[in-house]
PDB file of N, CA and C in Angstrom:
ATOM      1  N   UNK A   1      32.438   0.750  11.301  1.00  0.00           N
ATOM      2  CA  UNK A   1      31.087   1.016  11.781  1.00  0.00           C
ATOM      3  C   UNK A   1      30.573   2.347  11.231  1.00  0.00           C
ATOM      4  N   UNK A   2      31.429   3.378  11.269  1.00  0.00           N
ATOM      5  CA  UNK A   2      31.034   4.696  10.759  1.00  0.00           C
ATOM      6  C   UNK A   2      30.785   4.624   9.257  1.00  0.00           C
ATOM      7  N   UNK A   3      31.604   3.854   8.551  1.00  0.00           N
ATOM      8  CA  UNK A   3      31.420   3.720   7.104  1.00  0.00           C
ATOM      9  C   UNK A   3      30.105   3.055   6.758  1.00  0.00           C
ATOM     10  N   UNK A   4      29.727   2.036   7.519  1.00  0.00           N
ATOM     11  CA  UNK A   4      28.459   1.354   7.287  1.00  0.00           C
ATOM     12  C   UNK A   4      27.292   2.289   7.570  1.00  0.00           C
ATOM     13  N   UNK A   5      27.369   3.051   8.669  1.00  0.00           N
ATOM     14  CA  UNK A   5      26.301   3.974   9.020  1.00  0.00           C
ATOM     15  C   UNK A   5      26.174   5.077   7.966  1.00  0.00           C
ATOM     16  N   UNK A   6      27.296   5.545   7.457  1.00  0.00           N
ATOM     17  CA  UNK A   6      27.274   6.569   6.416  1.00  0.00           C
ATOM     18  C   UNK A   6      26.642   6.018   5.135  1.00  0.00           C
ATOM     19  N   UNK A   7      26.961   4.772   4.786  1.00  0.00           N
ATOM     20  CA  UNK A   7      26.391   4.164   3.588  1.00  0.00           C
ATOM     21  C   UNK A   7      24.875   3.988   3.725  1.00  0.00           C
ATOM     22  N   UNK A   8      24.427   3.591   4.907  1.00  0.00           N
ATOM     23  CA  UNK A   8      22.990   3.419   5.131  1.00  0.00           C
ATOM     24  C   UNK A   8      22.277   4.761   5.043  1.00  0.00           C
ATOM     25  N   UNK A   9      22.823   5.771   5.682  1.00  0.00           N
ATOM     26  CA  UNK A   9      22.211   7.099   5.632  1.00  0.00           C
ATOM     27  C   UNK A   9      22.227   7.673   4.223  1.00  0.00           C
ATOM     28  N   UNK A  10      23.288   7.420   3.476  1.00  0.00           N
ATOM     29  CA  UNK A  10      23.377   7.929   2.101  1.00  0.00           C
ATOM     30  C   UNK A  10      22.340   7.267   1.196  1.00  0.00           C
ATOM     31  N   UNK A  11      21.914   6.058   1.539  1.00  0.00           N
ATOM     32  CA  UNK A  11      20.923   5.385   0.690  1.00  0.00           C
ATOM     33  C   UNK A  11      19.555   6.050   0.761  1.00  0.00           C
ATOM     34  N   UNK A  12      19.319   6.898   1.761  1.00  0.00           N
ATOM     35  CA  UNK A  12      18.035   7.593   1.880  1.00  0.00           C
ATOM     36  C   UNK A  12      17.995   8.916   1.119  1.00  0.00           C
ATOM     37  N   UNK A  13      19.035   9.251   0.383  1.00  0.00           N
ATOM     38  CA  UNK A  13      19.064  10.517  -0.335  1.00  0.00           C
ATOM     39  C   UNK A  13      18.345  10.446  -1.680  1.00  0.00           C
ATOM     40  N   UNK A  14      18.085   9.230  -2.177  1.00  0.00           N
ATOM     41  CA  UNK A  14      17.373   9.076  -3.436  1.00  0.00           C
ATOM     42  C   UNK A  14      16.145   8.211  -3.198  1.00  0.00           C
ATOM     43  N   UNK A  15      15.016   8.559  -3.803  1.00  0.00           N
ATOM     44  CA  UNK A  15      13.803   7.757  -3.596  1.00  0.00           C
ATOM     45  C   UNK A  15      13.925   6.386  -4.250  1.00  0.00           C
ATOM     46  N   UNK A  16      13.217   5.439  -3.690  1.00  0.00           N
ATOM     47  CA  UNK A  16      13.168   4.087  -4.252  1.00  0.00           C
ATOM     48  C   UNK A  16      12.354   4.114  -5.541  1.00  0.00           C
ATOM     49  N   UNK A  17      12.866   3.483  -6.567  1.00  0.00           N
ATOM     50  CA  UNK A  17      12.156   3.421  -7.844  1.00  0.00           C
ATOM     51  C   UNK A  17      11.186   2.246  -7.809  1.00  0.00           C
ATOM     52  N   UNK A  18       9.897   2.547  -7.858  1.00  0.00           N
ATOM     53  CA  UNK A  18       8.857   1.520  -7.864  1.00  0.00           C
ATOM     54  C   UNK A  18       8.139   1.620  -9.192  1.00  0.00           C
ATOM     55  N   UNK A  19       8.067   0.507  -9.886  1.00  0.00           N
ATOM     56  CA  UNK A  19       7.456   0.491 -11.218  1.00  0.00           C
ATOM     57  C   UNK A  19       5.946   0.589 -11.160  1.00  0.00           C
ATOM     58  N   UNK A  20       5.348   0.440 -12.315  1.00  0.00           N
ATOM     59  CA  UNK A  20       3.892   0.516 -12.417  1.00  0.00           C
ATOM     60  C   UNK A  20       3.308  -0.839 -12.803  1.00  0.00           C
ATOM     61  N   UNK A  21       3.900  -1.894 -12.297  1.00  0.00           N
ATOM     62  CA  UNK A  21       3.423  -3.241 -12.584  1.00  0.00           C
ATOM     63  C   UNK A  21       2.498  -3.704 -11.462  1.00  0.00           C
ATOM     64  N   UNK A  22       1.700  -4.722 -11.715  1.00  0.00           N
ATOM     65  CA  UNK A  22       0.851  -5.241 -10.633  1.00  0.00           C
ATOM     66  C   UNK A  22       1.664  -5.739  -9.438  1.00  0.00           C
ATOM     67  N   UNK A  23       2.883  -6.215  -9.664  1.00  0.00           N
ATOM     68  CA  UNK A  23       3.718  -6.675  -8.563  1.00  0.00           C
ATOM     69  C   UNK A  23       4.147  -5.529  -7.657  1.00  0.00           C
ATOM     70  N   UNK A  24       4.167  -4.312  -8.177  1.00  0.00           N
ATOM     71  CA  UNK A  24       4.555  -3.169  -7.345  1.00  0.00           C
ATOM     72  C   UNK A  24       3.505  -2.862  -6.284  1.00  0.00           C
ATOM     73  N   UNK A  25       2.288  -3.409  -6.453  1.00  0.00           N
ATOM     74  CA  UNK A  25       1.261  -3.249  -5.420  1.00  0.00           C
ATOM     75  C   UNK A  25       1.663  -3.952  -4.129  1.00  0.00           C
ATOM     76  N   UNK A  26       2.611  -4.894  -4.205  1.00  0.00           N
ATOM     77  CA  UNK A  26       3.066  -5.574  -2.997  1.00  0.00           C
ATOM     78  C   UNK A  26       3.770  -4.625  -2.032  1.00  0.00           C
ATOM     79  N   UNK A  27       4.269  -3.489  -2.534  1.00  0.00           N
ATOM     80  CA  UNK A  27       4.873  -2.487  -1.649  1.00  0.00           C
ATOM     81  C   UNK A  27       3.820  -1.865  -0.741  1.00  0.00           C
ATOM     82  N   UNK A  28       2.549  -2.033  -1.104  1.00  0.00           N
ATOM     83  CA  UNK A  28       1.465  -1.504  -0.282  1.00  0.00           C
ATOM     84  C   UNK A  28       1.356  -2.243   1.047  1.00  0.00           C
ATOM     85  N   UNK A  29       1.708  -3.519   1.069  1.00  0.00           N
ATOM     86  CA  UNK A  29       1.472  -4.339   2.258  1.00  0.00           C
ATOM     87  C   UNK A  29       2.258  -3.902   3.493  1.00  0.00           C
ATOM     88  N   UNK A  30       3.566  -3.659   3.419  1.00  0.00           N
ATOM     89  CA  UNK A  30       4.263  -3.199   4.631  1.00  0.00           C
ATOM     90  C   UNK A  30       3.780  -1.823   5.096  1.00  0.00           C
ATOM     91  N   UNK A  31       3.456  -0.961   4.155  1.00  0.00           N
ATOM     92  CA  UNK A  31       2.943   0.355   4.518  1.00  0.00           C
ATOM     93  C   UNK A  31       1.587   0.237   5.198  1.00  0.00           C
ATOM     94  N   UNK A  32       0.728  -0.620   4.670  1.00  0.00           N
ATOM     95  CA  UNK A  32      -0.582  -0.835   5.266  1.00  0.00           C
ATOM     96  C   UNK A  32      -0.454  -1.438   6.666  1.00  0.00           C
ATOM     97  N   UNK A  33       0.459  -2.372   6.844  1.00  0.00           N
ATOM     98  CA  UNK A  33       0.665  -2.983   8.164  1.00  0.00           C
ATOM     99  C   UNK A  33       1.126  -1.948   9.184  1.00  0.00           C
ATOM    100  N   UNK A  34       2.050  -1.083   8.786  1.00  0.00           N
ATOM    101  CA  UNK A  34       2.532  -0.077   9.736  1.00  0.00           C
ATOM    102  C   UNK A  34       1.451   0.955  10.047  1.00  0.00           C
ATOM    103  N   UNK A  35       0.659   1.330   9.063  1.00  0.00           N
ATOM    104  CA  UNK A  35      -0.435   2.273   9.307  1.00  0.00           C
ATOM    105  C   UNK A  35      -1.455   1.669  10.262  1.00  0.00           C
ATOM    106  N   UNK A  36      -1.825   0.408  10.039  1.00  0.00           N
ATOM    107  CA  UNK A  36      -2.798  -0.253  10.910  1.00  0.00           C
ATOM    108  C   UNK A  36      -2.265  -0.364  12.337  1.00  0.00           C
ATOM    109  N   UNK A  37      -0.985  -0.696  12.492  1.00  0.00           N
ATOM    110  CA  UNK A  37      -0.391  -0.848  13.811  1.00  0.00           C
ATOM    111  C   UNK A  37      -0.355   0.477  14.572  1.00  0.00           C
ATOM    112  N   UNK A  38       0.094   1.522  13.912  1.00  0.00           N
ATOM    113  CA  UNK A  38       0.183   2.827  14.564  1.00  0.00           C
ATOM    114  C   UNK A  38      -1.209   3.367  14.880  1.00  0.00           C
ATOM    115  N   UNK A  39      -2.142   3.210  13.971  1.00  0.00           N
ATOM    116  CA  UNK A  39      -3.503   3.692  14.208  1.00  0.00           C
ATOM    117  C   UNK A  39      -4.133   2.996  15.408  1.00  0.00           C
ATOM    118  N   UNK A  40      -4.017   1.683  15.455  1.00  0.00           N
ATOM    119  CA  UNK A  40      -4.597   0.948  16.581  1.00  0.00           C
ATOM    120  C   UNK A  40      -3.880   1.282  17.890  1.00  0.00           C
ATOM    121  N   UNK A  41      -2.582   1.505  17.839  1.00  0.00           N
ATOM    122  CA  UNK A  41      -1.840   1.838  19.055  1.00  0.00           C
ATOM    123  C   UNK A  41      -2.266   3.187  19.609  1.00  0.00           C
ATOM    124  N   UNK A  42      -2.684   4.100  18.747  1.00  0.00           N
ATOM    125  CA  UNK A  42      -3.115   5.411  19.235  1.00  0.00           C
ATOM    126  C   UNK A  42      -4.564   5.420  19.687  1.00  0.00           C
ATOM    127  N   UNK A  43      -5.348   4.411  19.292  1.00  0.00           N
ATOM    128  CA  UNK A  43      -6.767   4.415  19.611  1.00  0.00           C
ATOM    129  C   UNK A  43      -7.138   3.599  20.844  1.00  0.00           C
ATOM    130  N   UNK A  44      -6.304   2.664  21.273  1.00  0.00           N
ATOM    131  CA  UNK A  44      -6.657   1.843  22.437  1.00  0.00           C
ATOM    132  C   UNK A  44      -6.051   2.448  23.704  1.00  0.00           C
ATOM    133  N   UNK A  45      -6.739   2.241  24.839  1.00  0.00           N
ATOM    134  CA  UNK A  45      -6.225   2.769  26.113  1.00  0.00           C
ATOM    135  C   UNK A  45      -5.054   1.940  26.617  1.00  0.00           C
ATOM    136  N   UNK A  46      -5.229   0.629  26.641  1.00  0.00           N
ATOM    137  CA  UNK A  46      -4.141  -0.262  27.058  1.00  0.00           C
ATOM    138  C   UNK A  46      -3.917  -1.289  25.958  1.00  0.00           C
ATOM    139  N   UNK A  47      -2.655  -1.573  25.701  1.00  0.00           N
ATOM    140  CA  UNK A  47      -2.318  -2.514  24.641  1.00  0.00           C
ATOM    141  C   UNK A  47      -2.102  -3.885  25.271  1.00  0.00           C
ATOM    142  N   UNK A  48      -3.005  -4.796  24.944  1.00  0.00           N
ATOM    143  CA  UNK A  48      -2.864  -6.202  25.326  1.00  0.00           C
ATOM    144  C   UNK A  48      -2.630  -6.964  24.034  1.00  0.00           C
ATOM    145  N   UNK A  49      -1.686  -7.882  24.063  1.00  0.00           N
ATOM    146  CA  UNK A  49      -1.180  -8.465  22.818  1.00  0.00           C
ATOM    147  C   UNK A  49      -2.249  -9.140  21.958  1.00  0.00           C
ATOM    148  N   UNK A  50      -3.065 -10.004  22.526  1.00  0.00           N
ATOM    149  CA  UNK A  50      -4.020 -10.754  21.702  1.00  0.00           C
ATOM    150  C   UNK A  50      -5.084  -9.856  21.064  1.00  0.00           C
ATOM    151  N   UNK A  51      -5.776  -8.984  21.834  1.00  0.00           N
ATOM    152  CA  UNK A  51      -6.760  -8.111  21.172  1.00  0.00           C
ATOM    153  C   UNK A  51      -6.114  -7.107  20.207  1.00  0.00           C
ATOM    154  N   UNK A  52      -4.923  -6.637  20.564  1.00  0.00           N
ATOM    155  CA  UNK A  52      -4.241  -5.673  19.700  1.00  0.00           C
ATOM    156  C   UNK A  52      -3.878  -6.302  18.359  1.00  0.00           C
ATOM    157  N   UNK A  53      -3.338  -7.501  18.388  1.00  0.00           N
ATOM    158  CA  UNK A  53      -2.970  -8.188  17.145  1.00  0.00           C
ATOM    159  C   UNK A  53      -4.217  -8.494  16.322  1.00  0.00           C
ATOM    160  N   UNK A  54      -5.287  -8.916  16.994  1.00  0.00           N
ATOM    161  CA  UNK A  54      -6.535  -9.236  16.293  1.00  0.00           C
ATOM    162  C   UNK A  54      -7.115  -7.994  15.615  1.00  0.00           C
ATOM    163  N   UNK A  55      -7.190  -6.882  16.347  1.00  0.00           N
ATOM    164  CA  UNK A  55      -7.747  -5.653  15.776  1.00  0.00           C
ATOM    165  C   UNK A  55      -6.855  -5.087  14.682  1.00  0.00           C
ATOM    166  N   UNK A  56      -5.549  -5.182  14.876  1.00  0.00           N
ATOM    167  CA  UNK A  56      -4.619  -4.697  13.853  1.00  0.00           C
ATOM    168  C   UNK A  56      -4.738  -5.532  12.579  1.00  0.00           C
ATOM    169  N   UNK A  57      -4.833  -6.844  12.728  1.00  0.00           N
ATOM    170  CA  UNK A  57      -4.977  -7.719  11.552  1.00  0.00           C
ATOM    171  C   UNK A  57      -6.290  -7.440  10.829  1.00  0.00           C
ATOM    172  N   UNK A  58      -7.350  -7.199  11.575  1.00  0.00           N
ATOM    173  CA  UNK A  58      -8.649  -6.887  10.957  1.00  0.00           C
ATOM    174  C   UNK A  58      -8.576  -5.565  10.195  1.00  0.00           C
ATOM    175  N   UNK A  59      -7.962  -4.554  10.787  1.00  0.00           N
ATOM    176  CA  UNK A  59      -7.812  -3.269  10.107  1.00  0.00           C
ATOM    177  C   UNK A  59      -6.916  -3.400   8.883  1.00  0.00           C
ATOM    178  N   UNK A  60      -5.817  -4.152   9.014  1.00  0.00           N
ATOM    179  CA  UNK A  60      -4.918  -4.394   7.890  1.00  0.00           C
ATOM    180  C   UNK A  60      -5.672  -5.058   6.735  1.00  0.00           C
ATOM    181  N   UNK A  61      -6.460  -6.080   7.051  1.00  0.00           N
ATOM    182  CA  UNK A  61      -7.220  -6.776   6.019  1.00  0.00           C
ATOM    183  C   UNK A  61      -8.242  -5.886   5.346  1.00  0.00           C
ATOM    184  N   UNK A  62      -8.941  -5.076   6.140  1.00  0.00           N
ATOM    185  CA  UNK A  62      -9.963  -4.209   5.546  1.00  0.00           C
ATOM    186  C   UNK A  62      -9.336  -3.135   4.660  1.00  0.00           C
ATOM    187  N   UNK A  63      -8.198  -2.585   5.070  1.00  0.00           N
ATOM    188  CA  UNK A  63      -7.518  -1.590   4.226  1.00  0.00           C
ATOM    189  C   UNK A  63      -7.024  -2.244   2.938  1.00  0.00           C
ATOM    190  N   UNK A  64      -6.416  -3.422   3.049  1.00  0.00           N
ATOM    191  CA  UNK A  64      -5.878  -4.104   1.865  1.00  0.00           C
ATOM    192  C   UNK A  64      -6.994  -4.487   0.891  1.00  0.00           C
ATOM    193  N   UNK A  65      -8.121  -4.981   1.415  1.00  0.00           N
ATOM    194  CA  UNK A  65      -9.245  -5.348   0.541  1.00  0.00           C
ATOM    195  C   UNK A  65      -9.822  -4.105  -0.129  1.00  0.00           C
ATOM    196  N   UNK A  66      -9.953  -3.013   0.620  1.00  0.00           N
ATOM    197  CA  UNK A  66     -10.456  -1.777   0.023  1.00  0.00           C
ATOM    198  C   UNK A  66      -9.537  -1.286  -1.087  1.00  0.00           C
ATOM    199  N   UNK A  67      -8.219  -1.300  -0.832  1.00  0.00           N
ATOM    200  CA  UNK A  67      -7.275  -0.833  -1.848  1.00  0.00           C
ATOM    201  C   UNK A  67      -7.311  -1.719  -3.098  1.00  0.00           C
ATOM    202  N   UNK A  68      -7.395  -3.027  -2.912  1.00  0.00           N
ATOM    203  CA  UNK A  68      -7.454  -3.939  -4.062  1.00  0.00           C
ATOM    204  C   UNK A  68      -8.758  -3.746  -4.839  1.00  0.00           C
ATOM    205  N   UNK A  69      -9.856  -3.571  -4.118  1.00  0.00           N
ATOM    206  CA  UNK A  69     -11.147  -3.343  -4.781  1.00  0.00           C
ATOM    207  C   UNK A  69     -11.132  -2.025  -5.554  1.00  0.00           C
ATOM    208  N   UNK A  70     -10.589  -0.995  -4.941  1.00  0.00           N
ATOM    209  CA  UNK A  70     -10.494   0.300  -5.631  1.00  0.00           C
ATOM    210  C   UNK A  70      -9.619   0.187  -6.875  1.00  0.00           C
ATOM    211  N   UNK A  71      -8.523  -0.573  -6.795  1.00  0.00           N
ATOM    212  CA  UNK A  71      -7.645  -0.739  -7.953  1.00  0.00           C
ATOM    213  C   UNK A  71      -8.367  -1.460  -9.087  1.00  0.00           C
ATOM    214  N   UNK A  72      -9.117  -2.494  -8.755  1.00  0.00           N
ATOM    215  CA  UNK A  72      -9.856  -3.240  -9.781  1.00  0.00           C
ATOM    216  C   UNK A  72     -10.919  -2.358 -10.429  1.00  0.00           C
ATOM    217  N   UNK A  73     -11.647  -1.602  -9.625  1.00  0.00           N
ATOM    218  CA  UNK A  73     -12.689  -0.721 -10.159  1.00  0.00           C
ATOM    219  C   UNK A  73     -12.083   0.356 -11.055  1.00  0.00           C
ATOM    220  N   UNK A  74     -10.994   0.962 -10.610  1.00  0.00           N
ATOM    221  CA  UNK A  74     -10.353   2.001 -11.425  1.00  0.00           C
ATOM    222  C   UNK A  74      -9.785   1.430 -12.720  1.00  0.00           C
ATOM    223  N   UNK A  75      -9.232   0.213 -12.670  1.00  0.00           N
ATOM    224  CA  UNK A  75      -8.740  -0.427 -13.897  1.00  0.00           C
ATOM    225  C   UNK A  75      -9.886  -0.728 -14.855  1.00  0.00           C
ATOM    226  N   UNK A  76     -11.027  -1.154 -14.319  1.00  0.00           N
ATOM    227  CA  UNK A  76     -12.192  -1.432 -15.168  1.00  0.00           C
ATOM    228  C   UNK A  76     -12.710  -0.151 -15.813  1.00  0.00           C
ATOM    229  N   UNK A  77     -12.752   0.937 -15.060  1.00  0.00           N
ATOM    230  CA  UNK A  77     -13.198   2.220 -15.615  1.00  0.00           C
ATOM    231  C   UNK A  77     -12.240   2.679 -16.705  1.00  0.00           C
ATOM    232  N   UNK A  78     -10.949   2.548 -16.452  1.00  0.00           N
ATOM    233  CA  UNK A  78      -9.949   2.956 -17.444  1.00  0.00           C
ATOM    234  C   UNK A  78     -10.066   2.112 -18.704  1.00  0.00           C
ATOM    235  N   UNK A  79     -10.244   0.794 -18.551  1.00  0.00           N
ATOM    236  CA  UNK A  79     -10.406  -0.085 -19.704  1.00  0.00           C
ATOM    237  C   UNK A  79     -11.648   0.295 -20.502  1.00  0.00           C
ATOM    238  N   UNK A  80     -12.752   0.567 -19.811  1.00  0.00           N
ATOM    239  CA  UNK A  80     -13.999   0.932 -20.492  1.00  0.00           C
ATOM    240  C   UNK A  80     -13.814   2.199 -21.319  1.00  0.00           C
ATOM    241  N   UNK A  81     -13.194   3.227 -20.727  1.00  0.00           N
ATOM    242  CA  UNK A  81     -13.007   4.479 -21.462  1.00  0.00           C
ATOM    243  C   UNK A  81     -12.022   4.321 -22.612  1.00  0.00           C
ATOM    244  N   UNK A  82     -10.988   3.512 -22.428  1.00  0.00           N
ATOM    245  CA  UNK A  82     -10.051   3.287 -23.535  1.00  0.00           C
ATOM    246  C   UNK A  82     -10.718   2.548 -24.681  1.00  0.00           C
ATOM    247  N   UNK A  83     -11.540   1.546 -24.378  1.00  0.00           N
ATOM    248  CA  UNK A  83     -12.251   0.812 -25.430  1.00  0.00           C
ATOM    249  C   UNK A  83     -13.243   1.719 -26.150  1.00  0.00           C
ATOM    250  N   UNK A  84     -13.974   2.530 -25.387  1.00  0.00           N
ATOM    251  CA  UNK A  84     -14.946   3.446 -25.990  1.00  0.00           C
ATOM    252  C   UNK A  84     -14.233   4.467 -26.868  1.00  0.00           C
ATOM    253  N   UNK A  85     -13.137   5.012 -26.380  1.00  0.00           N
ATOM    254  CA  UNK A  85     -12.382   6.005 -27.140  1.00  0.00           C
ATOM    255  C   UNK A  85     -11.809   5.391 -28.414  1.00  0.00           C
ATOM    256  N   UNK A  86     -11.351   4.142 -28.328  1.00  0.00           N
ATOM    257  CA  UNK A  86     -10.799   3.472 -29.515  1.00  0.00           C
ATOM    258  C   UNK A  86     -11.884   3.284 -30.567  1.00  0.00           C
ATOM    259  N   UNK A  87     -13.078   2.956 -30.157  1.00  0.00           N
ATOM    260  CA  UNK A  87     -14.166   2.762 -31.133  1.00  0.00           C
ATOM    261  C   UNK A  87     -14.588   4.094 -31.751  1.00  0.00           C
ATOM    262  N   UNK A  88     -14.646   5.141 -30.949  1.00  0.00           N
ATOM    263  CA  UNK A  88     -15.057   6.445 -31.460  1.00  0.00           C
ATOM    264  C   UNK A  88     -14.023   6.976 -32.452  1.00  0.00           C
ATOM    265  N   UNK A  89     -12.750   6.838 -32.124  1.00  0.00           N
ATOM    266  CA  UNK A  89     -11.691   7.376 -32.974  1.00  0.00           C
ATOM    267  C   UNK A  89     -11.320   6.428 -34.113  1.00  0.00           C
ATOM    268  N   UNK A  90     -11.820   5.201 -34.084  1.00  0.00           N
ATOM    269  CA  UNK A  90     -11.557   4.256 -35.174  1.00  0.00           C
ATOM    270  C   UNK A  90     -10.184   3.625 -35.113  1.00  0.00           C
ATOM    271  N   UNK A  91      -9.624   3.460 -33.924  1.00  0.00           N
ATOM    272  CA  UNK A  91      -8.289   2.834 -33.802  1.00  0.00           C
ATOM    273  C   UNK A  91      -8.384   1.353 -33.952  1.00  0.00           C
TER     274      UNK A  91
END
C-alpha cells in the first residue's frame, strides 16, 4: 500500500507532456467541467441536484464554445498573417 501511494505521489513531480495537436484540446474538457462545477458551487446558496447540474452544464457549454470559437479565430488570424508574410517575402 505504501509503495503504491509513493508511486502515485512521485508521478506528480513531473508535468504532463501535452502536445500542440488539435486532439490536445480535449484536455480542456475536464478542466472546464471542474471550473464550471466549482464556480457554480460557490455562487448558489443551496445546491439542489437538478438546477445545479443544469446550470453547470450550461456554463460548461458556454465556456467550451467560447474557447473553441477563440481557437478558430486565432488560427484564422495566424493563417492570414502567414499567407500575407509568405507573399511579401516571396516564399
